Amino acid sequence: NLAKALECFEAYNRLEKELHEAYPQNVEFKNILAVSYQCLGVTHSSLGNLAKALEFFEEYNRLAKELYGAYPQNVSFK
């Protein structure tokens, strides 16, 4: 059920944004926020909303690059 998945991922993303904004020094919150953007991108892509999916994939990519740039020794950020 893609509509329900989208609803859940949107809620997940809102919570992760709040956590990251409240604790920007917490790397795990930033990583999970990036993952939430990836989930939204996949879901929108599956729904055929390609322009919206691209927005979320671009945001995921931006955060992933920031994480890898700041922590290149962390193999999970590669």
N, C-alpha and C. Protein backbone atom coordinates (compact mmCIF):
# COMPACT_ATOMS: atom_id res chain seq x y z
N ASN A 1 0.85 -1.17 0.00
CA ASN A 1 0.00 0.00 0.00
C ASN A 1 0.90 1.24 0.00
N LEU A 2 1.17 1.76 -1.17
CA LEU A 2 2.09 2.88 -1.31
C LEU A 2 1.58 4.16 -0.66
N ALA A 3 0.28 4.37 -0.67
CA ALA A 3 -0.27 5.58 -0.03
C ALA A 3 0.00 5.56 1.47
N LYS A 4 -0.18 4.40 2.10
CA LYS A 4 0.08 4.27 3.54
C LYS A 4 1.57 4.38 3.82
N ALA A 5 2.39 3.78 2.95
CA ALA A 5 3.85 3.88 3.11
C ALA A 5 4.28 5.34 3.04
N LEU A 6 3.73 6.07 2.09
CA LEU A 6 4.08 7.49 1.95
C LEU A 6 3.70 8.26 3.20
N GLU A 7 2.53 8.00 3.73
CA GLU A 7 2.08 8.66 4.96
C GLU A 7 3.05 8.38 6.12
N CYS A 8 3.46 7.15 6.24
CA CYS A 8 4.39 6.77 7.32
C CYS A 8 5.76 7.41 7.12
N PHE A 9 6.28 7.39 5.89
CA PHE A 9 7.59 7.98 5.63
C PHE A 9 7.56 9.50 5.82
N GLU A 10 6.44 10.14 5.52
CA GLU A 10 6.34 11.58 5.75
C GLU A 10 6.39 11.89 7.24
N ALA A 11 5.72 11.09 8.05
CA ALA A 11 5.76 11.28 9.50
C ALA A 11 7.17 11.02 10.03
N TYR A 12 7.79 9.97 9.54
CA TYR A 12 9.17 9.61 9.90
C TYR A 12 10.11 10.76 9.58
N ASN A 13 9.96 11.34 8.40
CA ASN A 13 10.80 12.45 7.97
C ASN A 13 10.59 13.68 8.86
N ARG A 14 9.35 13.99 9.20
CA ARG A 14 9.07 15.14 10.09
C ARG A 14 9.76 14.97 11.44
N LEU A 15 9.67 13.78 12.00
CA LEU A 15 10.30 13.52 13.30
C LEU A 15 11.81 13.63 13.21
N GLU A 16 12.39 13.09 12.16
CA GLU A 16 13.84 13.15 12.00
C GLU A 16 14.32 14.58 11.78
N LYS A 17 13.55 15.38 11.06
CA LYS A 17 13.90 16.80 10.88
C LYS A 17 13.92 17.51 12.23
N GLU A 18 12.91 17.26 13.05
CA GLU A 18 12.85 17.87 14.36
C GLU A 18 14.04 17.47 15.23
N LEU A 19 14.37 16.19 15.21
CA LEU A 19 15.51 15.72 16.01
C LEU A 19 16.81 16.33 15.51
N HIS A 20 16.99 16.35 14.19
CA HIS A 20 18.23 16.91 13.63
C HIS A 20 18.34 18.41 13.92
N GLU A 21 17.24 19.11 13.82
CA GLU A 21 17.27 20.55 14.11
C GLU A 21 17.54 20.82 15.58
N ALA A 22 17.01 19.98 16.45
CA ALA A 22 17.22 20.16 17.89
C ALA A 22 18.64 19.75 18.32
N TYR A 23 19.20 18.77 17.62
CA TYR A 23 20.53 18.24 17.98
C TYR A 23 21.39 18.10 16.72
N PRO A 24 21.76 19.21 16.09
CA PRO A 24 22.52 19.12 14.83
C PRO A 24 23.89 18.46 14.98
N GLN A 25 24.42 18.40 16.18
CA GLN A 25 25.71 17.77 16.40
C GLN A 25 25.61 16.24 16.41
N ASN A 26 24.40 15.71 16.48
CA ASN A 26 24.21 14.26 16.52
C ASN A 26 24.22 13.72 15.09
N VAL A 27 25.30 13.02 14.75
CA VAL A 27 25.50 12.52 13.40
C VAL A 27 24.44 11.49 13.03
N GLU A 28 24.04 10.67 13.97
CA GLU A 28 23.05 9.63 13.68
C GLU A 28 21.72 10.24 13.27
N PHE A 29 21.30 11.33 13.88
CA PHE A 29 20.05 11.99 13.48
C PHE A 29 20.14 12.48 12.04
N LYS A 30 21.29 13.03 11.67
CA LYS A 30 21.48 13.51 10.30
C LYS A 30 21.46 12.33 9.32
N ASN A 31 22.08 11.23 9.69
CA ASN A 31 22.09 10.05 8.82
C ASN A 31 20.68 9.49 8.64
N ILE A 32 19.94 9.40 9.72
CA ILE A 32 18.58 8.87 9.63
C ILE A 32 17.69 9.83 8.84
N LEU A 33 17.92 11.13 8.96
CA LEU A 33 17.17 12.09 8.14
C LEU A 33 17.45 11.84 6.67
N ALA A 34 18.71 11.60 6.33
CA ALA A 34 19.06 11.29 4.94
C ALA A 34 18.32 10.04 4.46
N VAL A 35 18.30 9.02 5.28
CA VAL A 35 17.61 7.78 4.93
C VAL A 35 16.12 8.03 4.72
N SER A 36 15.53 8.91 5.54
CA SER A 36 14.11 9.20 5.38
C SER A 36 13.84 9.87 4.04
N TYR A 37 14.76 10.71 3.57
CA TYR A 37 14.61 11.32 2.25
C TYR A 37 14.70 10.26 1.15
N GLN A 38 15.60 9.31 1.35
CA GLN A 38 15.72 8.22 0.38
C GLN A 38 14.42 7.41 0.31
N CYS A 39 13.86 7.10 1.46
CA CYS A 39 12.59 6.35 1.50
C CYS A 39 11.47 7.11 0.80
N LEU A 40 11.41 8.41 1.03
CA LEU A 40 10.40 9.23 0.35
C LEU A 40 10.63 9.24 -1.16
N GLY A 41 11.88 9.31 -1.57
CA GLY A 41 12.19 9.28 -2.99
C GLY A 41 11.77 7.99 -3.65
N VAL A 42 12.06 6.88 -3.01
CA VAL A 42 11.68 5.57 -3.55
C VAL A 42 10.15 5.46 -3.65
N THR A 43 9.47 5.89 -2.61
CA THR A 43 8.01 5.79 -2.60
C THR A 43 7.38 6.67 -3.67
N HIS A 44 7.84 7.90 -3.79
CA HIS A 44 7.30 8.79 -4.83
C HIS A 44 7.62 8.24 -6.23
N SER A 45 8.80 7.68 -6.39
CA SER A 45 9.15 7.08 -7.67
C SER A 45 8.20 5.93 -8.01
N SER A 46 7.90 5.10 -7.03
CA SER A 46 6.98 3.98 -7.23
C SER A 46 5.58 4.46 -7.56
N LEU A 47 5.21 5.61 -7.03
CA LEU A 47 3.89 6.18 -7.30
C LEU A 47 3.85 6.93 -8.64
N GLY A 48 5.01 7.08 -9.27
CA GLY A 48 5.07 7.79 -10.55
C GLY A 48 5.27 9.28 -10.42
N ASN A 49 5.51 9.76 -9.21
CA ASN A 49 5.74 11.19 -8.96
C ASN A 49 7.24 11.47 -9.11
N LEU A 50 7.73 11.42 -10.33
CA LEU A 50 9.17 11.45 -10.56
C LEU A 50 9.82 12.78 -10.19
N ALA A 51 9.14 13.89 -10.43
CA ALA A 51 9.71 15.19 -10.07
C ALA A 51 9.88 15.29 -8.55
N LYS A 52 8.88 14.83 -7.82
CA LYS A 52 8.94 14.86 -6.35
C LYS A 52 10.01 13.88 -5.86
N ALA A 53 10.09 12.71 -6.49
CA ALA A 53 11.11 11.73 -6.11
C ALA A 53 12.50 12.33 -6.29
N LEU A 54 12.72 13.04 -7.38
CA LEU A 54 14.02 13.65 -7.64
C LEU A 54 14.38 14.64 -6.54
N GLU A 55 13.43 15.42 -6.08
CA GLU A 55 13.70 16.38 -4.99
C GLU A 55 14.21 15.65 -3.75
N PHE A 56 13.55 14.55 -3.39
CA PHE A 56 13.96 13.81 -2.20
C PHE A 56 15.31 13.12 -2.40
N PHE A 57 15.55 12.58 -3.60
CA PHE A 57 16.85 11.95 -3.86
C PHE A 57 17.98 12.98 -3.84
N GLU A 58 17.71 14.19 -4.32
CA GLU A 58 18.72 15.25 -4.28
C GLU A 58 19.04 15.64 -2.84
N GLU A 59 18.02 15.72 -2.01
CA GLU A 59 18.24 16.05 -0.59
C GLU A 59 19.02 14.93 0.10
N TYR A 60 18.65 13.69 -0.20
CA TYR A 60 19.40 12.54 0.34
C TYR A 60 20.86 12.62 -0.08
N ASN A 61 21.11 12.88 -1.35
CA ASN A 61 22.47 12.96 -1.88
C ASN A 61 23.27 14.07 -1.21
N ARG A 62 22.64 15.21 -0.99
CA ARG A 62 23.32 16.34 -0.34
C ARG A 62 23.77 15.96 1.07
N LEU A 63 22.85 15.37 1.84
CA LEU A 63 23.18 14.99 3.21
C LEU A 63 24.23 13.87 3.24
N ALA A 64 24.11 12.92 2.32
CA ALA A 64 25.08 11.82 2.27
C ALA A 64 26.48 12.35 1.96
N LYS A 65 26.58 13.30 1.05
CA LYS A 65 27.88 13.91 0.75
C LYS A 65 28.44 14.64 1.96
N GLU A 66 27.58 15.37 2.67
CA GLU A 66 28.03 16.08 3.87
C GLU A 66 28.55 15.10 4.92
N LEU A 67 27.82 14.02 5.11
CA LEU A 67 28.23 13.02 6.10
C LEU A 67 29.55 12.38 5.73
N TYR A 68 29.70 11.99 4.47
CA TYR A 68 30.95 11.38 4.04
C TYR A 68 32.10 12.38 4.12
N GLY A 69 31.85 13.63 3.73
CA GLY A 69 32.89 14.66 3.80
C GLY A 69 33.38 14.90 5.22
N ALA A 70 32.46 14.85 6.18
CA ALA A 70 32.81 15.10 7.57
C ALA A 70 33.39 13.85 8.25
N TYR A 71 33.01 12.67 7.77
CA TYR A 71 33.42 11.41 8.41
C TYR A 71 33.86 10.39 7.35
N PRO A 72 34.93 10.68 6.60
CA PRO A 72 35.34 9.76 5.53
C PRO A 72 35.78 8.38 6.04
N GLN A 73 36.14 8.30 7.30
CA GLN A 73 36.56 7.01 7.86
C GLN A 73 35.37 6.10 8.16
N ASN A 74 34.17 6.65 8.16
CA ASN A 74 32.97 5.86 8.44
C ASN A 74 32.52 5.17 7.14
N VAL A 75 32.75 3.87 7.04
CA VAL A 75 32.45 3.15 5.80
C VAL A 75 30.95 3.12 5.48
N SER A 76 30.09 3.27 6.48
CA SER A 76 28.66 3.25 6.19
C SER A 76 28.21 4.53 5.48
N PHE A 77 29.03 5.57 5.46
CA PHE A 77 28.68 6.81 4.77
C PHE A 77 29.20 6.84 3.33
N LYS A 78 29.89 5.77 2.90
CA LYS A 78 30.44 5.76 1.53
C LYS A 78 29.38 5.47 0.53
